Amino acid sequence: MSDAPGRRRPLKKSTTIVLVALLLIAWTALAGQWSDKGCRLVPDSCSLVIGHGAPDRIEGCESELGGPQHTDNYGG
């Protein structure tokens, strides 16, 4: 089946796979920064990447009842 003239083709399958792999690597690197600040890698660090991006120097997780929780006043 041929494409109509002037119609853009979607990304190649190999290009899509590489982009997804790079996205997962970047996400894991950001989650690792949260993990270094006392947050559990899964699910806390991974979800904090969505909500906060990379942690600021004052952000982290502190252990309280029920496990580590995000705080904007991280001292450790």
C-alpha atoms as a PDB file:
ATOM      1  CA  MET A   1       0.000   0.000   0.000  1.00  0.00           C
ATOM      2  CA  SER A   2       1.520   3.317  -1.022  1.00  0.00           C
ATOM      3  CA  ASP A   3       1.163   6.566   0.843  1.00  0.00           C
ATOM      4  CA  ALA A   4      -0.579   9.546  -0.713  1.00  0.00           C
ATOM      5  CA  PRO A   5       1.822  12.124  -2.173  1.00  0.00           C
ATOM      6  CA  GLY A   6       2.883  14.738   0.365  1.00  0.00           C
ATOM      7  CA  ARG A   7       1.702  12.692   3.333  1.00  0.00           C
ATOM      8  CA  ARG A   8       4.220  12.332   6.166  1.00  0.00           C
ATOM      9  CA  ARG A   9       5.080   8.862   7.321  1.00  0.00           C
ATOM     10  CA  PRO A  10       5.230   8.071  11.044  1.00  0.00           C
ATOM     11  CA  LEU A  11       8.571   7.353  12.675  1.00  0.00           C
ATOM     12  CA  LYS A  12      10.269   4.114  11.806  1.00  0.00           C
ATOM     13  CA  LYS A  13       9.814   1.329  14.312  1.00  0.00           C
ATOM     14  CA  SER A  14      13.526   1.341  15.175  1.00  0.00           C
ATOM     15  CA  THR A  15      13.475   5.110  15.765  1.00  0.00           C
ATOM     16  CA  THR A  16      10.475   4.761  18.082  1.00  0.00           C
ATOM     17  CA  ILE A  17      12.221   2.008  20.063  1.00  0.00           C
ATOM     18  CA  VAL A  18      15.355   4.150  20.491  1.00  0.00           C
ATOM     19  CA  LEU A  19      13.304   7.170  21.627  1.00  0.00           C
ATOM     20  CA  VAL A  20      11.371   5.085  24.165  1.00  0.00           C
ATOM     21  CA  ALA A  21      14.630   3.583  25.474  1.00  0.00           C
ATOM     22  CA  LEU A  22      16.177   7.049  25.886  1.00  0.00           C
ATOM     23  CA  LEU A  23      13.057   8.273  27.687  1.00  0.00           C
ATOM     24  CA  LEU A  24      13.203   5.328  30.100  1.00  0.00           C
ATOM     25  CA  ILE A  25      16.897   5.948  30.768  1.00  0.00           C
ATOM     26  CA  ALA A  26      16.233   9.634  31.522  1.00  0.00           C
ATOM     27  CA  TRP A  27      13.257   8.768  33.743  1.00  0.00           C
ATOM     28  CA  THR A  28      15.329   6.211  35.672  1.00  0.00           C
ATOM     29  CA  ALA A  29      18.145   8.740  36.145  1.00  0.00           C
ATOM     30  CA  LEU A  30      15.722  11.303  37.587  1.00  0.00           C
ATOM     31  CA  ALA A  31      14.091   8.656  39.793  1.00  0.00           C
ATOM     32  CA  GLY A  32      17.560   7.700  41.039  1.00  0.00           C
ATOM     33  CA  GLN A  33      18.091  11.278  42.233  1.00  0.00           C
ATOM     34  CA  TRP A  34      14.921  11.003  44.330  1.00  0.00           C
ATOM     35  CA  SER A  35      16.021   7.594  45.579  1.00  0.00           C
ATOM     36  CA  ASP A  36      19.307   9.131  46.775  1.00  0.00           C
ATOM     37  CA  LYS A  37      17.235  11.517  48.909  1.00  0.00           C
ATOM     38  CA  GLY A  38      15.472   8.784  50.873  1.00  0.00           C
ATOM     39  CA  CYS A  39      12.554   7.963  48.571  1.00  0.00           C
ATOM     40  CA  ARG A  40      11.676   4.409  47.557  1.00  0.00           C
ATOM     41  CA  LEU A  41      12.572   3.875  43.891  1.00  0.00           C
ATOM     42  CA  VAL A  42       9.245   2.236  43.066  1.00  0.00           C
ATOM     43  CA  PRO A  43       6.652   3.757  43.263  1.00  0.00           C
ATOM     44  CA  ASP A  44       7.649   6.962  45.089  1.00  0.00           C
ATOM     45  CA  SER A  45      10.656   8.108  43.062  1.00  0.00           C
ATOM     46  CA  CYS A  46       9.062   7.249  39.725  1.00  0.00           C
ATOM     47  CA  SER A  47       5.876   9.146  40.550  1.00  0.00           C
ATOM     48  CA  LEU A  48       7.775  12.142  41.956  1.00  0.00           C
ATOM     49  CA  VAL A  49       9.500  12.519  38.568  1.00  0.00           C
ATOM     50  CA  ILE A  50       6.066  13.177  37.044  1.00  0.00           C
ATOM     51  CA  GLY A  51       4.936  15.597  39.727  1.00  0.00           C
ATOM     52  CA  HIS A  52       8.183  17.418  40.527  1.00  0.00           C
ATOM     53  CA  GLY A  53      10.841  16.560  37.936  1.00  0.00           C
ATOM     54  CA  ALA A  54      14.332  16.503  39.419  1.00  0.00           C
ATOM     55  CA  PRO A  55      14.541  17.170  43.160  1.00  0.00           C
ATOM     56  CA  ASP A  56      15.664  20.563  44.400  1.00  0.00           C
ATOM     57  CA  ARG A  57      18.291  20.609  47.142  1.00  0.00           C
ATOM     58  CA  ILE A  58      15.573  21.066  49.789  1.00  0.00           C
ATOM     59  CA  GLU A  59      13.295  18.291  48.480  1.00  0.00           C
ATOM     60  CA  GLY A  60      13.456  14.648  49.475  1.00  0.00           C
ATOM     61  CA  CYS A  61      11.612  11.998  51.471  1.00  0.00           C
ATOM     62  CA  GLU A  62      11.565  11.511  55.211  1.00  0.00           C
ATOM     63  CA  SER A  63      10.396   8.374  56.978  1.00  0.00           C
ATOM     64  CA  GLU A  64       7.207   8.731  58.921  1.00  0.00           C
ATOM     65  CA  LEU A  65       4.451   6.306  59.815  1.00  0.00           C
ATOM     66  CA  GLY A  66       3.583   4.413  56.658  1.00  0.00           C
ATOM     67  CA  GLY A  67       6.904   4.912  54.896  1.00  0.00           C
ATOM     68  CA  PRO A  68       8.855   7.753  53.283  1.00  0.00           C
ATOM     69  CA  GLN A  69       6.868  10.838  52.302  1.00  0.00           C
ATOM     70  CA  HIS A  70       7.825  13.779  50.068  1.00  0.00           C
ATOM     71  CA  THR A  71       8.932  16.910  51.888  1.00  0.00           C
ATOM     72  CA  ASP A  72      10.087  20.351  50.789  1.00  0.00           C
ATOM     73  CA  ASN A  73      12.220  20.606  53.933  1.00  0.00           C
ATOM     74  CA  TYR A  74      14.657  17.724  53.448  1.00  0.00           C
ATOM     75  CA  GLY A  75      17.705  17.836  55.677  1.00  0.00           C
ATOM     76  CA  GLY A  76      19.537  14.612  54.957  1.00  0.00           C
END
